[in-house]
């Protein structure tokens, strides 16, 4: 169990959920990956990793380069780095 990663992931999910609820494909992909990361951080039995993580790249493109939420992009990239180093 990784409490810090849980907190970061829950914070990112709270921002992504409304976007994914609007059927926005980039947010849906990020949400799927964040949900896997949350299960991993909680130590739950999760399905195998969803392949190569792409949520950081998607977040950078959608929220930093073309959007107005660079903090969210940084948060998602931080979560991806932490999970990749732990897997």
Protein backbone atom coordinates (compact mmCIF):
# COMPACT_ATOMS: atom_id res chain seq x y z
CA UNK A 1 0.00 0.00 0.00
CA UNK A 2 1.29 3.43 -0.96
CA UNK A 3 -0.73 6.18 0.77
CA UNK A 4 0.93 9.04 -1.09
CA UNK A 5 0.28 7.46 -4.49
CA UNK A 6 -3.31 6.72 -3.45
CA UNK A 7 -3.84 10.38 -2.54
CA UNK A 8 -2.30 11.66 -5.78
CA UNK A 9 -4.29 9.23 -7.90
CA UNK A 10 -7.57 10.02 -6.17
CA UNK A 11 -6.92 13.73 -6.71
CA UNK A 12 -6.27 13.19 -10.42
CA UNK A 13 -9.33 10.96 -10.77
CA UNK A 14 -11.56 13.59 -9.17
CA UNK A 15 -10.54 15.99 -11.95
CA UNK A 16 -10.69 13.44 -14.78
CA UNK A 17 -14.04 11.83 -13.88
CA UNK A 18 -16.23 14.76 -15.05
CA UNK A 19 -14.39 14.88 -18.37
CA UNK A 20 -14.67 11.12 -18.86
CA UNK A 21 -18.37 11.30 -17.98
CA UNK A 22 -18.77 13.52 -21.05
CA UNK A 23 -17.48 10.62 -23.20
CA UNK A 24 -14.28 12.46 -24.04
CA UNK A 25 -11.96 9.70 -25.27
CA UNK A 26 -8.66 11.10 -23.89
CA UNK A 27 -10.17 11.42 -20.41
CA UNK A 28 -11.66 7.92 -20.62
CA UNK A 29 -8.23 6.48 -21.42
CA UNK A 30 -6.59 8.40 -18.59
CA UNK A 31 -9.34 7.31 -16.19
CA UNK A 32 -8.82 3.62 -17.07
CA UNK A 33 -5.10 3.91 -16.43
CA UNK A 34 -5.57 5.90 -13.22
CA UNK A 35 -8.03 3.31 -11.91
CA UNK A 36 -5.44 0.60 -12.51
CA UNK A 37 -2.82 2.73 -10.72
CA UNK A 38 -5.18 3.25 -7.78
CA UNK A 39 -5.77 -0.49 -7.41
CA UNK A 40 -2.01 -1.05 -7.62
CA UNK A 41 -1.30 1.61 -4.99
CA UNK A 42 -3.89 0.08 -2.66
CA UNK A 43 -2.29 -3.34 -3.06
CA UNK A 44 -5.46 -4.79 -4.51
CA UNK A 45 -5.32 -7.70 -6.86
CA UNK A 46 -5.47 -5.96 -10.17
CA UNK A 47 -5.57 -7.16 -13.70
CA UNK A 48 -2.22 -7.19 -15.45
CA UNK A 49 -0.87 -3.75 -16.24
CA UNK A 50 -2.75 -2.18 -19.15
CA UNK A 51 0.33 -2.26 -21.36
CA UNK A 52 2.50 0.76 -21.81
CA UNK A 53 1.16 3.75 -19.94
CA UNK A 54 0.21 6.63 -22.20
CA UNK A 55 -1.70 8.79 -19.76
CA UNK A 56 1.25 11.14 -19.22
CA UNK A 57 1.62 11.81 -22.92
CA UNK A 58 -2.13 12.27 -23.36
CA UNK A 59 -2.30 14.62 -20.37
CA UNK A 60 0.64 16.68 -21.59
CA UNK A 61 -0.93 17.05 -25.02
CA UNK A 62 -4.48 17.76 -23.85
CA UNK A 63 -3.96 19.72 -20.65
CA UNK A 64 -0.59 21.41 -21.03
CA UNK A 65 0.27 22.00 -24.68
CA UNK A 66 -3.26 22.67 -25.93
CA UNK A 67 -5.18 23.18 -22.71
CA UNK A 68 -5.14 25.31 -19.63
CA UNK A 69 -4.47 22.71 -16.95
CA UNK A 70 -0.70 22.20 -16.79
CA UNK A 71 -0.96 21.24 -13.10
CA UNK A 72 -3.19 18.30 -13.96
CA UNK A 73 -0.74 17.19 -16.65
CA UNK A 74 2.11 17.35 -14.13
CA UNK A 75 0.11 15.35 -11.58
CA UNK A 76 -0.73 12.61 -14.07
CA UNK A 77 2.87 12.43 -15.25
CA UNK A 78 4.06 12.15 -11.63
CA UNK A 79 1.67 9.26 -11.01
CA UNK A 80 2.81 7.50 -14.16
CA UNK A 81 6.50 7.84 -13.21
CA UNK A 82 5.88 6.53 -9.69
CA UNK A 83 3.90 3.52 -10.90
CA UNK A 84 6.35 2.68 -13.67
CA UNK A 85 9.24 2.73 -11.21
CA UNK A 86 7.34 0.44 -8.82
CA UNK A 87 6.06 -2.09 -11.36
